[in-house]
C-alpha atoms as a PDB file:
ATOM      1  CA  MET A   1     109.561 141.313 109.210  1.00  0.00           C
ATOM      2  CA  LYS A   2     108.769 137.667 109.413  1.00  0.00           C
ATOM      3  CA  THR A   3     105.554 135.591 110.723  1.00  0.00           C
ATOM      4  CA  LEU A   4     105.107 131.710 111.680  1.00  0.00           C
ATOM      5  CA  ALA A   5     101.245 131.986 110.595  1.00  0.00           C
ATOM      6  CA  ILE A   6      98.637 128.878 111.708  1.00  0.00           C
ATOM      7  CA  GLU A   7      95.548 127.432 109.932  1.00  0.00           C
ATOM      8  CA  SER A   8      93.399 124.395 111.690  1.00  0.00           C
ATOM      9  CA  SER A   9      89.684 126.007 112.104  1.00  0.00           C
ATOM     10  CA  ALA A  10      88.654 123.162 109.731  1.00  0.00           C
ATOM     11  CA  LEU A  11      89.780 120.014 107.744  1.00  0.00           C
ATOM     12  CA  THR A  12      92.620 121.465 106.795  1.00  0.00           C
ATOM     13  CA  ALA A  13      96.377 121.565 108.545  1.00  0.00           C
ATOM     14  CA  SER A  14      98.405 124.178 107.842  1.00  0.00           C
ATOM     15  CA  CYS A  15     101.627 126.526 108.568  1.00  0.00           C
ATOM     16  CA  ALA A  16     103.898 129.065 106.839  1.00  0.00           C
ATOM     17  CA  ILE A  17     105.976 131.106 107.373  1.00  0.00           C
ATOM     18  CA  CYS A  18     105.965 134.890 105.137  1.00  0.00           C
ATOM     19  CA  GLU A  19     107.681 137.338 104.613  1.00  0.00           C
ATOM     20  CA  GLU A  20     106.384 141.142 103.265  1.00  0.00           C
ATOM     21  CA  ASN A  21     106.436 139.830  99.525  1.00  0.00           C
ATOM     22  CA  LEU A  22     107.215 136.512  99.913  1.00  0.00           C
ATOM     23  CA  VAL A  23     106.192 132.480 100.981  1.00  0.00           C
ATOM     24  CA  VAL A  24     109.535 131.125 102.571  1.00  0.00           C
ATOM     25  CA  CYS A  25     107.826 128.140 103.307  1.00  0.00           C
ATOM     26  CA  GLU A  26     104.429 126.516 103.525  1.00  0.00           C
ATOM     27  CA  SER A  27     102.668 123.284 103.808  1.00  0.00           C
ATOM     28  CA  SER A  28      98.956 121.792 104.676  1.00  0.00           C
ATOM     29  CA  ILE A  29      97.289 118.549 104.885  1.00  0.00           C
ATOM     30  CA  THR A  30      93.721 117.894 104.266  1.00  0.00           C
ATOM     31  CA  ALA A  31      94.157 114.228 105.004  1.00  0.00           C
ATOM     32  CA  GLY A  32      91.057 113.457 107.926  1.00  0.00           C
ATOM     33  CA  LEU A  33      93.939 113.358 110.555  1.00  0.00           C
ATOM     34  CA  THR A  34      93.405 115.502 113.798  1.00  0.00           C
ATOM     35  CA  HIS A  35      94.731 118.324 114.414  1.00  0.00           C
ATOM     36  CA  SER A  36      96.476 117.244 117.042  1.00  0.00           C
ATOM     37  CA  GLN A  37      98.171 114.420 115.727  1.00  0.00           C
ATOM     38  CA  THR A  38      99.169 116.803 112.651  1.00  0.00           C
ATOM     39  CA  LEU A  39     100.135 120.158 113.443  1.00  0.00           C
ATOM     40  CA  MET A  40     103.209 120.610 115.813  1.00  0.00           C
ATOM     41  CA  SER A  41     105.469 118.063 113.702  1.00  0.00           C
ATOM     42  CA  MET A  42     104.252 119.954 110.552  1.00  0.00           C
ATOM     43  CA  ILE A  43     106.176 122.821 112.172  1.00  0.00           C
ATOM     44  CA  GLU A  44     108.495 121.433 113.105  1.00  0.00           C
ATOM     45  CA  ASN A  45     109.236 119.399 110.033  1.00  0.00           C
ATOM     46  CA  MET A  46     108.432 122.736 108.064  1.00  0.00           C
ATOM     47  CA  LEU A  47     110.707 124.804 109.848  1.00  0.00           C
ATOM     48  CA  LYS A  48     113.816 122.351 109.665  1.00  0.00           C
ATOM     49  CA  SER A  49     113.112 121.675 105.500  1.00  0.00           C
ATOM     50  CA  ALA A  50     113.684 125.381 104.964  1.00  0.00           C
ATOM     51  CA  ASN A  51     116.589 125.680 107.806  1.00  0.00           C
ATOM     52  CA  GLN A  52     114.545 128.053 109.536  1.00  0.00           C
ATOM     53  CA  LYS A  53     114.662 128.892 113.178  1.00  0.00           C
ATOM     54  CA  LEU A  54     112.069 130.170 115.749  1.00  0.00           C
ATOM     55  CA  GLU A  55     114.458 132.920 117.004  1.00  0.00           C
ATOM     56  CA  ASP A  56     114.438 134.485 113.992  1.00  0.00           C
ATOM     57  CA  ILE A  57     110.172 135.132 113.656  1.00  0.00           C
ATOM     58  CA  ASP A  58     108.971 138.306 114.384  1.00  0.00           C
ATOM     59  CA  ALA A  59     105.528 137.352 115.283  1.00  0.00           C
ATOM     60  CA  ILE A  60     102.926 134.406 115.496  1.00  0.00           C
ATOM     61  CA  THR A  61      99.596 134.746 113.348  1.00  0.00           C
ATOM     62  CA  VAL A  62      97.295 132.486 114.071  1.00  0.00           C
ATOM     63  CA  SER A  63      93.463 132.016 112.288  1.00  0.00           C
ATOM     64  CA  VAL A  64      91.075 132.818 114.912  1.00  0.00           C
ATOM     65  CA  GLY A  65      87.772 131.541 113.455  1.00  0.00           C
ATOM     66  CA  PRO A  66      85.118 131.048 112.715  1.00  0.00           C
ATOM     67  CA  GLY A  67      85.537 127.447 112.254  1.00  0.00           C
ATOM     68  CA  SER A  68      85.762 123.788 114.443  1.00  0.00           C
ATOM     69  CA  PHE A  69      85.818 124.232 117.975  1.00  0.00           C
ATOM     70  CA  THR A  70      87.960 121.790 118.203  1.00  0.00           C
ATOM     71  CA  GLY A  71      90.575 123.071 115.387  1.00  0.00           C
ATOM     72  CA  LEU A  72      90.804 126.614 116.787  1.00  0.00           C
ATOM     73  CA  ARG A  73      91.542 125.314 120.191  1.00  0.00           C
ATOM     74  CA  ILE A  74      94.505 123.188 118.956  1.00  0.00           C
ATOM     75  CA  GLY A  75      95.302 126.456 116.847  1.00  0.00           C
ATOM     76  CA  VAL A  76      94.832 129.202 118.965  1.00  0.00           C
ATOM     77  CA  SER A  77      96.196 127.835 121.955  1.00  0.00           C
ATOM     78  CA  SER A  78      99.499 126.424 119.607  1.00  0.00           C
ATOM     79  CA  ALA A  79      99.989 129.929 118.383  1.00  0.00           C
ATOM     80  CA  LYS A  80      99.693 131.542 122.007  1.00  0.00           C
ATOM     81  CA  GLY A  81     102.166 128.876 123.928  1.00  0.00           C
ATOM     82  CA  MET A  82     104.880 129.984 120.980  1.00  0.00           C
ATOM     83  CA  ALA A  83     104.173 133.630 121.039  1.00  0.00           C
ATOM     84  CA  LYS A  84     104.743 133.376 125.340  1.00  0.00           C
ATOM     85  CA  ALA A  85     107.872 131.302 124.603  1.00  0.00           C
ATOM     86  CA  LEU A  86     109.448 134.091 121.790  1.00  0.00           C
ATOM     87  CA  ASN A  87     108.358 136.794 123.655  1.00  0.00           C
ATOM     88  CA  CYS A  88     106.352 137.992 120.332  1.00  0.00           C
ATOM     89  CA  PRO A  89     103.348 139.296 119.633  1.00  0.00           C
ATOM     90  CA  CYS A  90     100.238 137.141 118.729  1.00  0.00           C
ATOM     91  CA  ILE A  91      97.869 137.945 116.039  1.00  0.00           C
ATOM     92  CA  GLY A  92      95.123 136.641 115.542  1.00  0.00           C
ATOM     93  CA  VAL A  93      92.717 136.754 111.581  1.00  0.00           C
ATOM     94  CA  SER A  94      89.684 135.761 110.651  1.00  0.00           C
ATOM     95  CA  THR A  95      89.538 132.930 109.041  1.00  0.00           C
ATOM     96  CA  LEU A  96      87.099 134.585 106.345  1.00  0.00           C
ATOM     97  CA  LEU A  97      89.218 137.427 105.867  1.00  0.00           C
ATOM     98  CA  ALA A  98      92.097 135.133 105.041  1.00  0.00           C
ATOM     99  CA  LEU A  99      90.117 133.220 102.435  1.00  0.00           C
ATOM    100  CA  ALA A 100      88.993 136.223 100.689  1.00  0.00           C
ATOM    101  CA  ARG A 101      92.823 137.303 100.365  1.00  0.00           C
ATOM    102  CA  ASN A 102      93.325 133.670  98.372  1.00  0.00           C
ATOM    103  CA  LEU A 103      91.784 135.503  95.629  1.00  0.00           C
ATOM    104  CA  GLU A 104      93.490 138.331  96.043  1.00  0.00           C
ATOM    105  CA  GLY A 105      94.147 140.597  93.148  1.00  0.00           C
ATOM    106  CA  THR A 106      91.349 139.044  91.363  1.00  0.00           C
ATOM    107  CA  GLU A 107      88.367 141.991  89.882  1.00  0.00           C
ATOM    108  CA  SER A 108      85.181 139.825  91.407  1.00  0.00           C
ATOM    109  CA  ILE A 109      83.615 139.536  94.841  1.00  0.00           C
ATOM    110  CA  VAL A 110      84.409 136.969  96.888  1.00  0.00           C
ATOM    111  CA  CYS A 111      81.894 135.912  99.239  1.00  0.00           C
ATOM    112  CA  SER A 112      83.879 132.947 101.453  1.00  0.00           C
ATOM    113  CA  VAL A 113      81.968 130.082 102.979  1.00  0.00           C
ATOM    114  CA  MET A 114      82.454 127.166 105.371  1.00  0.00           C
ATOM    115  CA  ASP A 115      80.130 124.380 105.851  1.00  0.00           C
ATOM    116  CA  ALA A 116      78.013 125.094 109.704  1.00  0.00           C
ATOM    117  CA  ARG A 117      76.235 121.841 108.882  1.00  0.00           C
ATOM    118  CA  ARG A 118      72.102 122.681 109.092  1.00  0.00           C
ATOM    119  CA  ASP A 119      72.085 123.968 105.816  1.00  0.00           C
ATOM    120  CA  GLN A 120      74.047 126.923 107.523  1.00  0.00           C
ATOM    121  CA  VAL A 121      77.779 128.341 106.176  1.00  0.00           C
ATOM    122  CA  TYR A 122      79.750 130.935 108.191  1.00  0.00           C
ATOM    123  CA  ASN A 123      80.125 134.022 105.595  1.00  0.00           C
ATOM    124  CA  ALA A 124      81.334 137.095 104.854  1.00  0.00           C
ATOM    125  CA  LEU A 125      81.700 139.712 101.670  1.00  0.00           C
ATOM    126  CA  PHE A 126      84.132 141.051  99.946  1.00  0.00           C
ATOM    127  CA  ASP A 127      84.951 143.006  97.076  1.00  0.00           C
ATOM    128  CA  MET A 128      88.498 142.645  96.078  1.00  0.00           C
ATOM    129  CA  GLN A 129      88.235 145.635  92.917  1.00  0.00           C
ATOM    130  CA  LYS A 130      91.315 147.577  92.523  1.00  0.00           C
ATOM    131  CA  GLY A 131      93.685 145.127  93.825  1.00  0.00           C
ATOM    132  CA  LYS A 132      92.190 145.706  97.870  1.00  0.00           C
ATOM    133  CA  THR A 133      90.821 143.353  99.906  1.00  0.00           C
ATOM    134  CA  VAL A 134      87.512 145.617 101.012  1.00  0.00           C
ATOM    135  CA  ARG A 135      84.776 143.925 103.903  1.00  0.00           C
ATOM    136  CA  ILE A 136      81.653 144.096 102.718  1.00  0.00           C
ATOM    137  CA  CYS A 137      79.597 142.412 105.916  1.00  0.00           C
ATOM    138  CA  GLU A 138      80.924 141.303 109.359  1.00  0.00           C
ATOM    139  CA  ASP A 139      82.184 136.962 110.196  1.00  0.00           C
ATOM    140  CA  ARG A 140      78.358 135.414 110.463  1.00  0.00           C
ATOM    141  CA  ALA A 141      76.900 132.355 110.887  1.00  0.00           C
ATOM    142  CA  ILE A 142      73.589 132.114 108.124  1.00  0.00           C
ATOM    143  CA  SER A 143      71.585 129.918 106.416  1.00  0.00           C
ATOM    144  CA  ILE A 144      72.705 129.221 102.546  1.00  0.00           C
ATOM    145  CA  ASP A 145      68.633 129.910 101.775  1.00  0.00           C
ATOM    146  CA  GLU A 146      69.179 133.754 103.390  1.00  0.00           C
ATOM    147  CA  LEU A 147      72.729 134.434 101.763  1.00  0.00           C
ATOM    148  CA  ILE A 148      71.179 133.335  98.450  1.00  0.00           C
ATOM    149  CA  GLU A 149      68.225 136.363  98.914  1.00  0.00           C
ATOM    150  CA  GLN A 150      70.753 138.716  99.973  1.00  0.00           C
ATOM    151  CA  LEU A 151      72.486 137.789  96.599  1.00  0.00           C
ATOM    152  CA  LYS A 152      69.815 137.658  94.808  1.00  0.00           C
ATOM    153  CA  ALA A 153      69.432 141.410  96.206  1.00  0.00           C
ATOM    154  CA  ASN A 154      72.690 143.010  94.806  1.00  0.00           C
ATOM    155  CA  GLU A 155      73.599 143.663  91.723  1.00  0.00           C
ATOM    156  CA  TYR A 156      77.104 143.505  91.857  1.00  0.00           C
ATOM    157  CA  ASN A 157      78.998 144.456  88.470  1.00  0.00           C
ATOM    158  CA  VAL A 158      81.355 142.053  88.557  1.00  0.00           C
ATOM    159  CA  PRO A 159      81.243 138.172  89.274  1.00  0.00           C
ATOM    160  CA  VAL A 160      80.930 136.330  93.037  1.00  0.00           C
ATOM    161  CA  VAL A 161      82.984 133.802  93.822  1.00  0.00           C
ATOM    162  CA  LEU A 162      82.261 131.207  96.378  1.00  0.00           C
ATOM    163  CA  VAL A 163      85.556 129.831  98.118  1.00  0.00           C
ATOM    164  CA  GLY A 164      86.085 127.863 101.224  1.00  0.00           C
ATOM    165  CA  ASP A 165      84.912 124.358 102.056  1.00  0.00           C
ATOM    166  CA  GLY A 166      81.887 125.838 102.385  1.00  0.00           C
ATOM    167  CA  ALA A 167      81.835 126.619  98.241  1.00  0.00           C
ATOM    168  CA  GLU A 168      80.352 123.443  96.197  1.00  0.00           C
ATOM    169  CA  LEU A 169      78.003 123.017  98.947  1.00  0.00           C
ATOM    170  CA  CYS A 170      77.050 126.374  98.528  1.00  0.00           C
ATOM    171  CA  TYR A 171      77.312 126.435  94.238  1.00  0.00           C
ATOM    172  CA  ASN A 172      75.287 123.496  93.578  1.00  0.00           C
ATOM    173  CA  LYS A 173      72.491 125.014  95.518  1.00  0.00           C
ATOM    174  CA  MET A 174      72.785 128.820  94.014  1.00  0.00           C
ATOM    175  CA  LYS A 175      74.060 128.015  90.276  1.00  0.00           C
ATOM    176  CA  ASP A 176      70.305 127.576  89.027  1.00  0.00           C
ATOM    177  CA  VAL A 177      69.314 130.841  90.412  1.00  0.00           C
ATOM    178  CA  LEU A 178      72.454 132.854  90.932  1.00  0.00           C
ATOM    179  CA  ASP A 179      75.294 134.032  88.514  1.00  0.00           C
ATOM    180  CA  VAL A 180      78.057 132.548  90.869  1.00  0.00           C
ATOM    181  CA  ARG A 181      80.963 130.671  90.058  1.00  0.00           C
ATOM    182  CA  ILE A 182      83.215 128.749  92.385  1.00  0.00           C
ATOM    183  CA  ALA A 183      87.593 129.025  93.020  1.00  0.00           C
ATOM    184  CA  PRO A 184      89.633 126.564  91.481  1.00  0.00           C
ATOM    185  CA  PRO A 185      90.638 123.956  93.997  1.00  0.00           C
ATOM    186  CA  GLN A 186      94.050 125.220  94.527  1.00  0.00           C
ATOM    187  CA  LEU A 187      92.469 127.863  95.713  1.00  0.00           C
ATOM    188  CA  ARG A 188      89.760 127.250  97.699  1.00  0.00           C
ATOM    189  CA  LEU A 189      90.719 125.590 101.008  1.00  0.00           C
ATOM    190  CA  GLN A 190      92.043 127.630 104.018  1.00  0.00           C
ATOM    191  CA  ARG A 191      95.642 128.938 103.875  1.00  0.00           C
ATOM    192  CA  ALA A 192      98.630 130.408 106.192  1.00  0.00           C
ATOM    193  CA  ALA A 193     100.147 131.764 103.807  1.00  0.00           C
ATOM    194  CA  SER A 194      97.156 133.835 103.648  1.00  0.00           C
ATOM    195  CA  ILE A 195      96.615 134.257 107.489  1.00  0.00           C
ATOM    196  CA  GLY A 196     100.153 134.951 107.488  1.00  0.00           C
ATOM    197  CA  PHE A 197     100.248 138.023 105.047  1.00  0.00           C
ATOM    198  CA  CYS A 198      97.038 139.814 107.022  1.00  0.00           C
ATOM    199  CA  GLY A 199      98.413 139.435 109.873  1.00  0.00           C
ATOM    200  CA  LEU A 200     101.866 141.371 108.735  1.00  0.00           C
ATOM    201  CA  GLU A 201      99.479 143.932 107.826  1.00  0.00           C
ATOM    202  CA  LYS A 202      98.305 143.910 111.232  1.00  0.00           C
ATOM    203  CA  LEU A 203     101.806 143.501 112.703  1.00  0.00           C
ATOM    204  CA  LYS A 204     102.978 146.464 110.200  1.00  0.00           C
ATOM    205  CA  ASN A 205      99.850 148.822 111.040  1.00  0.00           C
ATOM    206  CA  GLY A 206     100.275 147.779 115.072  1.00  0.00           C
ATOM    207  CA  ASP A 207      96.820 146.689 114.963  1.00  0.00           C
ATOM    208  CA  PHE A 208      97.099 143.569 116.969  1.00  0.00           C
ATOM    209  CA  CYS A 209      95.797 142.910 120.934  1.00  0.00           C
ATOM    210  CA  LEU A 210      97.887 141.266 123.368  1.00  0.00           C
ATOM    211  CA  GLU A 211      98.856 137.674 123.733  1.00  0.00           C
ATOM    212  CA  ASN A 212      96.004 136.561 126.582  1.00  0.00           C
ATOM    213  CA  GLU A 213      93.121 138.426 123.911  1.00  0.00           C
ATOM    214  CA  VAL A 214      93.390 136.483 121.043  1.00  0.00           C
ATOM    215  CA  ILE A 215      90.717 133.943 121.284  1.00  0.00           C
ATOM    216  CA  PRO A 216      88.682 132.077 119.043  1.00  0.00           C
ATOM    217  CA  LYS A 217      85.713 133.703 117.415  1.00  0.00           C
ATOM    218  CA  TYR A 218      83.004 130.690 116.542  1.00  0.00           C
ATOM    219  CA  LEU A 219      79.743 133.045 116.256  1.00  0.00           C
ATOM    220  CA  ARG A 220      77.698 130.149 117.745  1.00  0.00           C
ATOM    221  CA  LEU A 221      77.683 127.769 120.576  1.00  0.00           C
ATOM    222  CA  SER A 222      79.081 124.711 120.445  1.00  0.00           C
ATOM    223  CA  GLN A 223      76.924 121.280 119.500  1.00  0.00           C
ATOM    224  CA  ALA A 224      76.413 120.318 123.371  1.00  0.00           C
ATOM    225  CA  GLU A 225      75.874 123.859 124.228  1.00  0.00           C
ATOM    226  CA  ARG A 226      72.784 123.881 121.510  1.00  0.00           C
ATOM    227  CA  ILE A 227      71.317 120.779 123.271  1.00  0.00           C
ATOM    228  CA  ARG A 228      71.520 122.053 126.722  1.00  0.00           C
ATOM    229  CA  ASN A 229      69.552 124.969 126.081  1.00  0.00           C
ATOM    230  CA  GLU A 230      67.390 123.169 124.198  1.00  0.00           C
ATOM    231  CA  LEU A 231      66.442 120.964 127.274  1.00  0.00           C
ATOM    232  CA  GLY A 232      66.453 123.585 129.250  1.00  0.00           C
ATOM    233  CA  GLY A 233      69.694 123.673 131.013  1.00  0.00           C
ATOM    234  CA  LYS A 234      68.098 120.018 132.295  1.00  0.00           C
ATOM    235  CA  GLN A 235      70.920 117.328 133.079  1.00  0.00           C
END
């Protein structure tokens, strides 16, 4: 089985083609350009460079969040459009789960963190022991202070490793009060290959929904919605 994977949940735009035990090709940009500028041209150039054809793809896999509202909409819309054109499954994958899979094979507790602004992060915890990725908690939006208190309350017998675009932010606030580590730069940010392997696993297990049910999972209201609510819905 072969999947085309798309990651656009944050600053990094990434695409990859994955088979069961192989990253056939992968392209990634973290340069501040908008995903609407880069994503489709990246996919086209990657396919051409690797001599891959879309009609050979068995599924489209995409990061569904949490993350940037605009980035997720672009990625999910692109994935659904290609899946419809190819008449193949479209599989949504948690961004935080895929980040943890960057560190698959380590004996650790992975703390996936994405900067959600306002001193909050999107977060989930995963137990990576014995070669498996076991979810400890659901994806959530949480304050960094609350996350620190939760990590303090648990005595893990393996290192806690921070991964994601919020890793450095959290590490700077945690390093003096917790025994935490930070993933190296090459493993720290979102990767389409990790999205792809998560998607292949779901495809193999039949654990995916209909294309029109693949939707972004934001976890909290957009800035415009928050401002509207703060103003009591007034124009």
